Amino acid sequence: MAKPAAKPRAPSRAKRVSPAEQARVAALFERFESQESDPRTELDYDSPYTLVVAVALSAQATDVSVNKATRKLFEVADTPQAMLALGEAGLKPFISSIGLYNTKAKNVIALSRILIQQYAGEVPLDREKLQALPGVGRKTASVVLNELRIEPAIAVDTHVFRVSHRLGLADGKTPDQVEAQLMAIVPEPYLTRAHHWLILHGRYVCVARRPKCEECSVADLCPSRHLFVNGR
């Protein structure tokens, strides 16, 4: 008699969340909300198209460097049509200060062409269609959809990954695992804003080398605080 097929394993979760842990997590995000009720990306944009371009350019680059480049770029090309007219050679000088600018220029021109040919120059606010665009992976699509409040999403970059582990919100070993854990544990009212809160907390307070625990609004709720307060 054949053995029954093994049941597929459920997505990794660190642990079952107790009522006490649920209360702690809710308190964390209540604190974040009290500091900034409507957090937004620090990338400059004024349309879904310029947002997609800015986020695509921000891979392995700082928001400051991207904003410096797009400030001049978007003055001359803030639509797919204008970007395509600028061309890859014309685009490169604007973004040459950003890492991987050759590849990014190629992708921005290619995605602009697709938007014109397939979507009448409009950005499709649909995850599958966004992720199919050149240079737009899952993380970029998540940032765009979340920023525009189209879909609750948590894009896991280095800041989110670090802060999630330190705050005991996740223990996943990959960004995808951490994303799944965060989506499961963050209370629903905070899902569309959690991404930004975690990024900003990691960028300005819970920094990589020496977190500023003395300035942290959630230090008393952080299971990792003693590691840094005691200097270990």
C-alpha atoms as a PDB file:
ATOM      1  CA  MET A   1       0.000   0.000   0.000  1.00  0.00           C
ATOM      2  CA  ALA A   2       1.422   3.329  -1.016  1.00  0.00           C
ATOM      3  CA  LYS A   3       2.223   5.770   1.717  1.00  0.00           C
ATOM      4  CA  PRO A   4       0.071   8.924   1.724  1.00  0.00           C
ATOM      5  CA  ALA A   5       1.787  11.976   0.288  1.00  0.00           C
ATOM      6  CA  ALA A   6       3.478  14.119   2.858  1.00  0.00           C
ATOM      7  CA  LYS A   7       1.652  17.302   3.692  1.00  0.00           C
ATOM      8  CA  PRO A   8       3.411  20.448   2.506  1.00  0.00           C
ATOM      9  CA  ARG A   9       5.154  22.313   5.261  1.00  0.00           C
ATOM     10  CA  ALA A  10       3.581  25.553   6.357  1.00  0.00           C
ATOM     11  CA  PRO A  11       5.549  28.783   5.924  1.00  0.00           C
ATOM     12  CA  SER A  12       8.091  29.276   8.676  1.00  0.00           C
ATOM     13  CA  ARG A  13       6.894  31.115  11.739  1.00  0.00           C
ATOM     14  CA  ALA A  14       9.220  31.664  14.663  1.00  0.00           C
ATOM     15  CA  LYS A  15       6.703  30.567  17.257  1.00  0.00           C
ATOM     16  CA  ARG A  16       3.085  30.702  18.183  1.00  0.00           C
ATOM     17  CA  VAL A  17       2.308  34.181  19.356  1.00  0.00           C
ATOM     18  CA  SER A  18       1.054  34.303  22.918  1.00  0.00           C
ATOM     19  CA  PRO A  19      -1.443  36.938  24.112  1.00  0.00           C
ATOM     20  CA  ALA A  20       1.398  38.657  25.976  1.00  0.00           C
ATOM     21  CA  GLU A  21       3.512  38.769  22.820  1.00  0.00           C
ATOM     22  CA  GLN A  22       0.578  40.066  20.791  1.00  0.00           C
ATOM     23  CA  ALA A  23       0.189  42.859  23.332  1.00  0.00           C
ATOM     24  CA  ARG A  24       3.910  43.690  23.156  1.00  0.00           C
ATOM     25  CA  VAL A  25       3.866  43.861  19.358  1.00  0.00           C
ATOM     26  CA  ALA A  26       0.744  46.034  19.385  1.00  0.00           C
ATOM     27  CA  ALA A  27       2.422  48.365  21.876  1.00  0.00           C
ATOM     28  CA  LEU A  28       5.492  48.635  19.626  1.00  0.00           C
ATOM     29  CA  PHE A  29       3.479  49.850  16.684  1.00  0.00           C
ATOM     30  CA  GLU A  30       1.289  52.090  18.828  1.00  0.00           C
ATOM     31  CA  ARG A  31       4.500  53.861  19.871  1.00  0.00           C
ATOM     32  CA  PHE A  32       5.650  54.179  16.271  1.00  0.00           C
ATOM     33  CA  GLU A  33       2.251  55.574  15.293  1.00  0.00           C
ATOM     34  CA  SER A  34       2.359  58.139  18.090  1.00  0.00           C
ATOM     35  CA  GLN A  35       5.644  59.443  16.671  1.00  0.00           C
ATOM     36  CA  GLU A  36       4.614  59.488  13.003  1.00  0.00           C
ATOM     37  CA  SER A  37       1.049  58.639  12.081  1.00  0.00           C
ATOM     38  CA  ASP A  38       1.528  58.668   8.304  1.00  0.00           C
ATOM     39  CA  PRO A  39       5.102  57.636   7.461  1.00  0.00           C
ATOM     40  CA  ARG A  40       6.151  57.849   3.837  1.00  0.00           C
ATOM     41  CA  THR A  41       9.135  56.975   1.716  1.00  0.00           C
ATOM     42  CA  GLU A  42      11.990  59.469   1.743  1.00  0.00           C
ATOM     43  CA  LEU A  43      12.324  59.111  -2.025  1.00  0.00           C
ATOM     44  CA  ASP A  44      11.042  62.105  -3.976  1.00  0.00           C
ATOM     45  CA  TYR A  45       8.242  61.407  -6.459  1.00  0.00           C
ATOM     46  CA  ASP A  46       5.067  63.014  -7.748  1.00  0.00           C
ATOM     47  CA  SER A  47       3.404  60.189  -9.670  1.00  0.00           C
ATOM     48  CA  PRO A  48       3.283  56.393  -9.748  1.00  0.00           C
ATOM     49  CA  TYR A  49       5.754  56.482 -12.642  1.00  0.00           C
ATOM     50  CA  THR A  50       8.365  58.621 -10.886  1.00  0.00           C
ATOM     51  CA  LEU A  51       7.892  56.461  -7.790  1.00  0.00           C
ATOM     52  CA  VAL A  52       8.623  53.273  -9.743  1.00  0.00           C
ATOM     53  CA  VAL A  53      11.702  54.840 -11.316  1.00  0.00           C
ATOM     54  CA  ALA A  54      12.984  56.201  -7.988  1.00  0.00           C
ATOM     55  CA  VAL A  55      12.519  52.893  -6.184  1.00  0.00           C
ATOM     56  CA  ALA A  56      14.164  50.967  -9.032  1.00  0.00           C
ATOM     57  CA  LEU A  57      17.133  53.345  -8.888  1.00  0.00           C
ATOM     58  CA  SER A  58      17.408  53.001  -5.103  1.00  0.00           C
ATOM     59  CA  ALA A  59      18.589  49.382  -5.150  1.00  0.00           C
ATOM     60  CA  GLN A  60      22.005  49.313  -3.438  1.00  0.00           C
ATOM     61  CA  ALA A  61      21.922  53.111  -3.183  1.00  0.00           C
ATOM     62  CA  THR A  62      20.819  55.609  -0.554  1.00  0.00           C
ATOM     63  CA  ASP A  63      17.619  57.624  -0.838  1.00  0.00           C
ATOM     64  CA  VAL A  64      19.715  60.786  -0.556  1.00  0.00           C
ATOM     65  CA  SER A  65      21.824  59.865  -3.591  1.00  0.00           C
ATOM     66  CA  VAL A  66      18.752  58.892  -5.612  1.00  0.00           C
ATOM     67  CA  ASN A  67      16.920  62.130  -4.751  1.00  0.00           C
ATOM     68  CA  LYS A  68      19.966  64.144  -5.771  1.00  0.00           C
ATOM     69  CA  ALA A  69      19.952  62.433  -9.167  1.00  0.00           C
ATOM     70  CA  THR A  70      16.200  62.419  -9.800  1.00  0.00           C
ATOM     71  CA  ARG A  71      15.807  66.077  -8.826  1.00  0.00           C
ATOM     72  CA  LYS A  72      17.357  67.037 -12.164  1.00  0.00           C
ATOM     73  CA  LEU A  73      16.218  63.949 -14.065  1.00  0.00           C
ATOM     74  CA  PHE A  74      12.514  64.420 -13.356  1.00  0.00           C
ATOM     75  CA  GLU A  75      12.709  68.034 -14.521  1.00  0.00           C
ATOM     76  CA  VAL A  76      13.293  66.752 -18.051  1.00  0.00           C
ATOM     77  CA  ALA A  77      11.789  63.235 -17.948  1.00  0.00           C
ATOM     78  CA  ASP A  78       8.950  62.500 -15.545  1.00  0.00           C
ATOM     79  CA  THR A  79       6.809  60.414 -17.905  1.00  0.00           C
ATOM     80  CA  PRO A  80       7.518  57.200 -19.833  1.00  0.00           C
ATOM     81  CA  GLN A  81       7.305  59.139 -23.096  1.00  0.00           C
ATOM     82  CA  ALA A  82       9.859  61.747 -22.009  1.00  0.00           C
ATOM     83  CA  MET A  83      12.146  59.073 -20.565  1.00  0.00           C
ATOM     84  CA  LEU A  84      12.050  57.053 -23.781  1.00  0.00           C
ATOM     85  CA  ALA A  85      12.820  60.194 -25.763  1.00  0.00           C
ATOM     86  CA  LEU A  86      15.797  60.844 -23.471  1.00  0.00           C
ATOM     87  CA  GLY A  87      17.096  57.371 -24.224  1.00  0.00           C
ATOM     88  CA  GLU A  88      19.593  55.215 -22.411  1.00  0.00           C
ATOM     89  CA  ALA A  89      22.560  57.381 -23.413  1.00  0.00           C
ATOM     90  CA  GLY A  90      20.756  60.519 -22.303  1.00  0.00           C
ATOM     91  CA  LEU A  91      19.666  58.993 -19.008  1.00  0.00           C
ATOM     92  CA  LYS A  92      23.064  57.770 -17.854  1.00  0.00           C
ATOM     93  CA  PRO A  93      24.603  61.188 -17.098  1.00  0.00           C
ATOM     94  CA  PHE A  94      21.735  61.946 -14.700  1.00  0.00           C
ATOM     95  CA  ILE A  95      22.201  58.752 -12.688  1.00  0.00           C
ATOM     96  CA  SER A  96      25.929  58.099 -13.066  1.00  0.00           C
ATOM     97  CA  SER A  97      26.486  58.850  -9.368  1.00  0.00           C
ATOM     98  CA  ILE A  98      24.247  55.901  -8.416  1.00  0.00           C
ATOM     99  CA  GLY A  99      25.575  52.361  -8.182  1.00  0.00           C
ATOM    100  CA  LEU A 100      24.874  50.000 -11.093  1.00  0.00           C
ATOM    101  CA  TYR A 101      23.725  52.944 -13.184  1.00  0.00           C
ATOM    102  CA  ASN A 102      24.388  51.211 -16.518  1.00  0.00           C
ATOM    103  CA  THR A 103      22.025  48.355 -15.714  1.00  0.00           C
ATOM    104  CA  LYS A 104      19.498  50.681 -14.108  1.00  0.00           C
ATOM    105  CA  ALA A 105      19.474  52.968 -17.154  1.00  0.00           C
ATOM    106  CA  LYS A 106      18.795  49.991 -19.406  1.00  0.00           C
ATOM    107  CA  ASN A 107      15.937  48.826 -17.160  1.00  0.00           C
ATOM    108  CA  VAL A 108      14.322  52.264 -16.807  1.00  0.00           C
ATOM    109  CA  ILE A 109      14.242  52.729 -20.573  1.00  0.00           C
ATOM    110  CA  ALA A 110      12.931  49.196 -21.094  1.00  0.00           C
ATOM    111  CA  LEU A 111      10.168  49.531 -18.505  1.00  0.00           C
ATOM    112  CA  SER A 112       9.208  52.929 -19.942  1.00  0.00           C
ATOM    113  CA  ARG A 113       8.843  51.374 -23.386  1.00  0.00           C
ATOM    114  CA  ILE A 114       6.641  48.580 -22.003  1.00  0.00           C
ATOM    115  CA  LEU A 115       4.437  51.076 -20.143  1.00  0.00           C
ATOM    116  CA  ILE A 116       3.831  52.947 -23.405  1.00  0.00           C
ATOM    117  CA  GLN A 117       3.298  49.857 -25.531  1.00  0.00           C
ATOM    118  CA  GLN A 118       1.173  47.819 -23.130  1.00  0.00           C
ATOM    119  CA  TYR A 119      -0.377  50.231 -20.615  1.00  0.00           C
ATOM    120  CA  ALA A 120      -0.905  53.519 -22.480  1.00  0.00           C
ATOM    121  CA  GLY A 121       1.871  55.109 -20.465  1.00  0.00           C
ATOM    122  CA  GLU A 122       0.294  54.336 -17.107  1.00  0.00           C
ATOM    123  CA  VAL A 123       1.845  52.266 -14.311  1.00  0.00           C
ATOM    124  CA  PRO A 124      -0.218  49.101 -13.679  1.00  0.00           C
ATOM    125  CA  LEU A 125      -0.925  49.031  -9.962  1.00  0.00           C
ATOM    126  CA  ASP A 126      -1.012  45.266  -9.868  1.00  0.00           C
ATOM    127  CA  ARG A 127       1.733  43.160  -8.282  1.00  0.00           C
ATOM    128  CA  GLU A 128       2.087  40.605 -11.058  1.00  0.00           C
ATOM    129  CA  LYS A 129       2.246  43.223 -13.792  1.00  0.00           C
ATOM    130  CA  LEU A 130       4.621  45.429 -11.805  1.00  0.00           C
ATOM    131  CA  GLN A 131       7.014  42.583 -11.100  1.00  0.00           C
ATOM    132  CA  ALA A 132       7.090  41.743 -14.795  1.00  0.00           C
ATOM    133  CA  LEU A 133       8.626  45.132 -15.594  1.00  0.00           C
ATOM    134  CA  PRO A 134      12.419  45.219 -16.129  1.00  0.00           C
ATOM    135  CA  GLY A 135      14.248  46.082 -12.925  1.00  0.00           C
ATOM    136  CA  VAL A 136      11.125  45.773 -10.792  1.00  0.00           C
ATOM    137  CA  GLY A 137      11.331  42.765  -8.484  1.00  0.00           C
ATOM    138  CA  ARG A 138       9.193  41.783  -5.541  1.00  0.00           C
ATOM    139  CA  LYS A 139      10.751  44.319  -3.182  1.00  0.00           C
ATOM    140  CA  THR A 140      10.319  47.242  -5.558  1.00  0.00           C
ATOM    141  CA  ALA A 141       6.721  46.251  -6.279  1.00  0.00           C
ATOM    142  CA  SER A 142       6.029  45.984  -2.545  1.00  0.00           C
ATOM    143  CA  VAL A 143       7.408  49.460  -1.898  1.00  0.00           C
ATOM    144  CA  VAL A 144       5.324  50.971  -4.703  1.00  0.00           C
ATOM    145  CA  LEU A 145       2.074  49.218  -3.794  1.00  0.00           C
ATOM    146  CA  ASN A 146       2.492  49.964  -0.103  1.00  0.00           C
ATOM    147  CA  GLU A 147       3.505  53.597  -0.590  1.00  0.00           C
ATOM    148  CA  LEU A 148       0.447  54.198  -2.777  1.00  0.00           C
ATOM    149  CA  ARG A 149      -1.729  52.346  -0.248  1.00  0.00           C
ATOM    150  CA  ILE A 150      -2.792  49.857  -2.916  1.00  0.00           C
ATOM    151  CA  GLU A 151      -1.739  46.755  -1.009  1.00  0.00           C
ATOM    152  CA  PRO A 152      -0.381  46.187   2.505  1.00  0.00           C
ATOM    153  CA  ALA A 153       3.172  45.016   1.949  1.00  0.00           C
ATOM    154  CA  ILE A 154       6.447  44.932   3.846  1.00  0.00           C
ATOM    155  CA  ALA A 155       9.553  45.143   1.690  1.00  0.00           C
ATOM    156  CA  VAL A 156      12.453  43.708   3.668  1.00  0.00           C
ATOM    157  CA  ASP A 157      15.685  45.612   3.127  1.00  0.00           C
ATOM    158  CA  THR A 158      18.730  45.550   5.414  1.00  0.00           C
ATOM    159  CA  HIS A 159      17.129  47.975   7.871  1.00  0.00           C
ATOM    160  CA  VAL A 160      13.871  46.045   8.157  1.00  0.00           C
ATOM    161  CA  PHE A 161      15.732  42.743   8.417  1.00  0.00           C
ATOM    162  CA  ARG A 162      17.955  44.013  11.253  1.00  0.00           C
ATOM    163  CA  VAL A 163      15.247  45.794  13.224  1.00  0.00           C
ATOM    164  CA  SER A 164      12.802  42.898  12.933  1.00  0.00           C
ATOM    165  CA  HIS A 165      15.323  40.526  14.475  1.00  0.00           C
ATOM    166  CA  ARG A 166      16.371  42.907  17.236  1.00  0.00           C
ATOM    167  CA  LEU A 167      12.773  43.671  18.186  1.00  0.00           C
ATOM    168  CA  GLY A 168      11.897  39.976  18.214  1.00  0.00           C
ATOM    169  CA  LEU A 169       9.352  40.336  15.424  1.00  0.00           C
ATOM    170  CA  ALA A 170      10.990  37.752  13.177  1.00  0.00           C
ATOM    171  CA  ASP A 171      13.805  35.214  13.116  1.00  0.00           C
ATOM    172  CA  GLY A 172      13.778  34.280   9.429  1.00  0.00           C
ATOM    173  CA  LYS A 173      17.081  33.745   7.679  1.00  0.00           C
ATOM    174  CA  THR A 174      16.003  35.286   4.372  1.00  0.00           C
ATOM    175  CA  PRO A 175      14.119  38.465   3.445  1.00  0.00           C
ATOM    176  CA  ASP A 176      11.197  36.393   2.165  1.00  0.00           C
ATOM    177  CA  GLN A 177      10.933  34.512   5.462  1.00  0.00           C
ATOM    178  CA  VAL A 178      11.083  37.733   7.454  1.00  0.00           C
ATOM    179  CA  GLU A 179       8.441  39.296   5.209  1.00  0.00           C
ATOM    180  CA  ALA A 180       6.081  36.365   5.808  1.00  0.00           C
ATOM    181  CA  GLN A 181       6.653  36.533   9.558  1.00  0.00           C
ATOM    182  CA  LEU A 182       6.059  40.269   9.696  1.00  0.00           C
ATOM    183  CA  MET A 183       2.886  40.030   7.648  1.00  0.00           C
ATOM    184  CA  ALA A 184       1.642  37.444  10.135  1.00  0.00           C
ATOM    185  CA  ILE A 185       2.556  39.264  13.339  1.00  0.00           C
ATOM    186  CA  VAL A 186       1.989  42.967  12.612  1.00  0.00           C
ATOM    187  CA  PRO A 187      -1.552  43.987  13.657  1.00  0.00           C
ATOM    188  CA  GLU A 188      -3.734  44.691  10.628  1.00  0.00           C
ATOM    189  CA  PRO A 189      -4.287  48.426  11.336  1.00  0.00           C
ATOM    190  CA  TYR A 190      -0.531  48.992  11.055  1.00  0.00           C
ATOM    191  CA  LEU A 191       0.290  46.825   8.030  1.00  0.00           C
ATOM    192  CA  THR A 192       0.371  49.602   5.435  1.00  0.00           C
ATOM    193  CA  ARG A 193       2.727  51.678   7.594  1.00  0.00           C
ATOM    194  CA  ALA A 194       4.919  49.060   9.274  1.00  0.00           C
ATOM    195  CA  HIS A 195       7.388  48.975   6.383  1.00  0.00           C
ATOM    196  CA  HIS A 196       8.196  52.670   6.728  1.00  0.00           C
ATOM    197  CA  TRP A 197       8.327  52.654  10.523  1.00  0.00           C
ATOM    198  CA  LEU A 198      10.809  49.793  10.557  1.00  0.00           C
ATOM    199  CA  ILE A 199      12.988  51.381   7.871  1.00  0.00           C
ATOM    200  CA  LEU A 200      13.061  54.759   9.600  1.00  0.00           C
ATOM    201  CA  HIS A 201      13.763  53.150  12.972  1.00  0.00           C
ATOM    202  CA  GLY A 202      16.673  51.216  11.483  1.00  0.00           C
ATOM    203  CA  ARG A 203      17.995  54.196   9.551  1.00  0.00           C
ATOM    204  CA  TYR A 204      18.021  56.694  12.416  1.00  0.00           C
ATOM    205  CA  VAL A 205      17.759  54.867  15.756  1.00  0.00           C
ATOM    206  CA  CYS A 206      18.408  51.125  15.616  1.00  0.00           C
ATOM    207  CA  VAL A 207      21.486  51.567  13.446  1.00  0.00           C
ATOM    208  CA  ALA A 208      23.742  48.656  12.571  1.00  0.00           C
ATOM    209  CA  ARG A 209      26.875  49.139  14.660  1.00  0.00           C
ATOM    210  CA  ARG A 210      25.765  51.035  17.720  1.00  0.00           C
ATOM    211  CA  PRO A 211      22.003  51.353  18.123  1.00  0.00           C
ATOM    212  CA  LYS A 212      20.852  54.474  19.952  1.00  0.00           C
ATOM    213  CA  CYS A 213      18.986  52.648  22.689  1.00  0.00           C
ATOM    214  CA  GLU A 214      19.009  55.746  24.884  1.00  0.00           C
ATOM    215  CA  GLU A 215      16.931  57.542  22.219  1.00  0.00           C
ATOM    216  CA  CYS A 216      14.691  54.595  21.377  1.00  0.00           C
ATOM    217  CA  SER A 217      10.977  55.033  22.036  1.00  0.00           C
ATOM    218  CA  VAL A 218      10.454  51.262  22.261  1.00  0.00           C
ATOM    219  CA  ALA A 219      13.582  50.320  24.233  1.00  0.00           C
ATOM    220  CA  ASP A 220      11.576  48.933  27.133  1.00  0.00           C
ATOM    221  CA  LEU A 221       9.772  46.610  24.712  1.00  0.00           C
ATOM    222  CA  CYS A 222      12.945  45.415  22.962  1.00  0.00           C
ATOM    223  CA  PRO A 223      14.331  41.967  23.892  1.00  0.00           C
ATOM    224  CA  SER A 224      17.770  42.903  22.518  1.00  0.00           C
ATOM    225  CA  ARG A 225      18.292  46.117  24.439  1.00  0.00           C
ATOM    226  CA  HIS A 226      20.489  44.551  27.127  1.00  0.00           C
ATOM    227  CA  LEU A 227      22.971  43.372  24.507  1.00  0.00           C
ATOM    228  CA  PHE A 228      23.818  46.941  23.603  1.00  0.00           C
ATOM    229  CA  VAL A 229      23.198  48.779  26.868  1.00  0.00           C
ATOM    230  CA  ASN A 230      25.693  46.493  28.547  1.00  0.00           C
ATOM    231  CA  GLY A 231      28.180  47.089  25.749  1.00  0.00           C
ATOM    232  CA  ARG A 232      28.327  43.496  24.490  1.00  0.00           C
END
